[in-house]
Amino acid sequence: MKKLFGLFVLMLTFAVAYPQTVGYQVTDSIAITDITGTDTTLFIPFRSEFGSSITFDFTNFDAWDAILSFGYSTDKVGITTIDDNRNPFTLDSAVYAQAINGTTKCRIAFESDKWGFKYIAFKLTKTTVSTGTLIWTWNR
């Protein structure tokens, strides 16, 4: 009986601890040269998660006037923008560049305790940017 009780406690421990494990990181990107026309909108399937964030890295852009509009979507037809009066964001190195140990990166990030839509959506307008890659990293 003690062994059965011990096994039960062990299983209960794993059941409680499993949902609290640290998530994972996913990185993806789009090259400016792969965008036809002046802009592109991407929809990324995303179920509600706790403690999620996304970081956009535009360090290697050749100009600093691309525009990023960030929001959500339920249908992949339109974007419901986030509640931030700065949105859409001009990806300007003077605003977002941070130097750490001699390395400068230009990044902007968004986080939420719980994403409430089926898709995370963002629209990138190139303006005068002609080369570079927008890299995004999910932390779930």
Protein backbone atom coordinates (compact mmCIF):
# COMPACT_ATOMS: atom_id res chain seq x y z
CA MET A 1 0.00 0.00 0.00
CA LYS A 2 2.90 2.37 0.79
CA LYS A 3 4.39 1.73 -2.64
CA LEU A 4 1.06 2.51 -4.31
CA PHE A 5 0.72 5.71 -2.27
CA GLY A 6 4.31 6.67 -3.16
CA LEU A 7 3.61 6.09 -6.85
CA PHE A 8 0.47 8.23 -6.59
CA VAL A 9 2.43 11.09 -4.96
CA LEU A 10 5.12 10.83 -7.63
CA MET A 11 2.53 10.98 -10.45
CA LEU A 12 0.77 13.89 -8.77
CA THR A 13 4.08 15.75 -8.50
CA PHE A 14 4.72 15.35 -12.24
CA ALA A 15 1.17 16.38 -13.09
CA VAL A 16 1.45 19.56 -11.06
CA ALA A 17 5.00 20.41 -12.16
CA TYR A 18 4.57 19.78 -15.90
CA PRO A 19 2.38 22.81 -16.77
CA GLN A 20 4.85 25.04 -14.94
CA THR A 21 7.82 24.05 -17.07
CA VAL A 22 9.62 26.80 -18.92
CA GLY A 23 8.37 27.19 -22.48
CA TYR A 24 10.37 27.27 -25.62
CA GLN A 25 11.70 29.75 -28.13
CA VAL A 26 10.88 29.86 -31.84
CA THR A 27 12.67 32.12 -34.32
CA ASP A 28 11.53 33.00 -37.83
CA SER A 29 12.24 35.78 -40.32
CA ILE A 30 11.38 37.49 -43.56
CA ALA A 31 13.88 39.13 -45.90
CA ILE A 32 12.92 42.57 -47.19
CA THR A 33 13.69 41.37 -50.72
CA ASP A 34 11.03 38.63 -50.33
CA ILE A 35 8.29 41.22 -49.85
CA THR A 36 6.54 42.04 -53.09
CA GLY A 37 5.02 45.48 -53.23
CA THR A 38 5.36 47.94 -50.37
CA ASP A 39 4.26 45.79 -47.43
CA THR A 40 3.32 42.37 -46.15
CA THR A 41 1.02 41.13 -43.40
CA LEU A 42 1.80 37.93 -41.54
CA PHE A 43 -0.58 35.92 -39.36
CA ILE A 44 0.91 33.47 -36.90
CA PRO A 45 -1.37 30.87 -35.25
CA PHE A 46 -1.15 31.33 -31.54
CA ARG A 47 -3.26 29.79 -28.82
CA SER A 48 -3.64 31.55 -25.53
CA GLU A 49 -0.50 31.11 -23.50
CA PHE A 50 0.64 32.59 -20.25
CA GLY A 51 3.77 34.71 -20.10
CA SER A 52 4.43 34.95 -23.83
CA SER A 53 6.43 37.55 -25.72
CA ILE A 54 7.67 38.33 -29.22
CA THR A 55 10.80 40.27 -30.13
CA PHE A 56 11.39 41.85 -33.54
CA ASP A 57 15.04 42.40 -34.52
CA PHE A 58 15.68 44.83 -37.40
CA THR A 59 19.39 45.43 -36.78
CA ASN A 60 20.46 44.65 -40.33
CA PHE A 61 18.00 46.98 -42.15
CA ASP A 62 19.71 49.43 -44.51
CA ALA A 63 17.37 52.31 -43.55
CA TRP A 64 15.48 53.30 -40.41
CA ASP A 65 11.96 54.13 -41.54
CA ALA A 66 10.19 50.77 -41.93
CA ILE A 67 6.82 50.65 -40.18
CA LEU A 68 5.64 47.76 -38.02
CA SER A 69 1.97 47.50 -37.12
CA PHE A 70 1.37 44.89 -34.44
CA GLY A 71 -1.90 43.33 -33.34
CA TYR A 72 -4.17 40.32 -33.34
CA SER A 73 -6.62 38.60 -35.66
CA THR A 74 -9.38 36.05 -35.38
CA ASP A 75 -9.85 35.48 -39.11
CA LYS A 76 -6.59 36.31 -40.98
CA VAL A 77 -8.48 39.08 -42.80
CA GLY A 78 -7.70 42.14 -40.72
CA ILE A 79 -5.70 43.28 -37.72
CA THR A 80 -7.04 44.46 -34.39
CA THR A 81 -4.20 46.67 -33.25
CA ILE A 82 -2.81 46.57 -29.75
CA ASP A 83 -3.85 49.28 -27.33
CA ASP A 84 -0.76 51.46 -27.67
CA ASN A 85 -0.91 54.94 -29.18
CA ARG A 86 2.58 54.45 -30.69
CA ASN A 87 1.31 51.64 -32.94
CA PRO A 88 2.26 51.49 -35.80
CA PHE A 89 5.90 51.71 -34.80
CA THR A 90 8.60 53.29 -36.95
CA LEU A 91 11.60 50.97 -36.75
CA ASP A 92 14.17 53.66 -36.07
CA SER A 93 17.62 52.78 -34.76
CA ALA A 94 17.79 56.11 -32.89
CA VAL A 95 14.82 54.97 -30.81
CA TYR A 96 15.39 51.24 -30.39
CA ALA A 97 19.17 50.64 -30.60
CA GLN A 98 20.80 49.26 -27.46
CA ALA A 99 24.54 48.62 -27.12
CA ILE A 100 25.59 45.81 -24.80
CA ASN A 101 29.27 44.83 -24.47
CA GLY A 102 30.15 46.52 -27.77
CA THR A 103 27.33 44.94 -29.78
CA THR A 104 24.40 47.08 -30.88
CA LYS A 105 21.02 45.52 -31.66
CA CYS A 106 17.83 47.23 -32.82
CA ARG A 107 14.85 45.42 -31.33
CA ILE A 108 11.28 46.00 -30.24
CA ALA A 109 9.28 43.53 -28.15
CA PHE A 110 5.72 42.90 -27.01
CA GLU A 111 4.56 40.74 -24.15
CA SER A 112 1.31 39.59 -22.67
CA ASP A 113 0.18 37.46 -19.78
CA LYS A 114 -2.35 35.95 -22.15
CA TRP A 115 -2.79 36.42 -25.89
CA GLY A 116 -6.54 36.47 -26.44
CA PHE A 117 -6.84 35.95 -30.20
CA LYS A 118 -6.38 33.04 -32.58
CA TYR A 119 -3.55 34.76 -34.49
CA ILE A 120 -0.83 37.26 -33.72
CA ALA A 121 -0.62 39.60 -36.70
CA PHE A 122 1.87 42.13 -37.91
CA LYS A 123 2.22 44.26 -41.00
CA LEU A 124 5.64 45.40 -42.17
CA THR A 125 5.78 48.38 -44.54
CA LYS A 126 9.20 48.70 -46.18
CA THR A 127 9.21 52.45 -46.99
CA THR A 128 12.88 53.08 -48.04
CA VAL A 129 14.32 49.86 -46.58
CA SER A 130 15.60 47.75 -49.48
CA THR A 131 17.75 45.10 -47.78
CA GLY A 132 17.86 43.32 -44.47
CA THR A 133 15.81 40.75 -42.61
CA LEU A 134 13.14 41.18 -39.96
CA ILE A 135 13.73 38.44 -37.39
CA TRP A 136 11.12 37.58 -34.79
CA THR A 137 11.55 35.38 -31.79
CA TRP A 138 8.68 33.91 -29.75
CA ASN A 139 9.24 33.16 -26.13
CA ARG A 140 6.45 30.93 -24.88
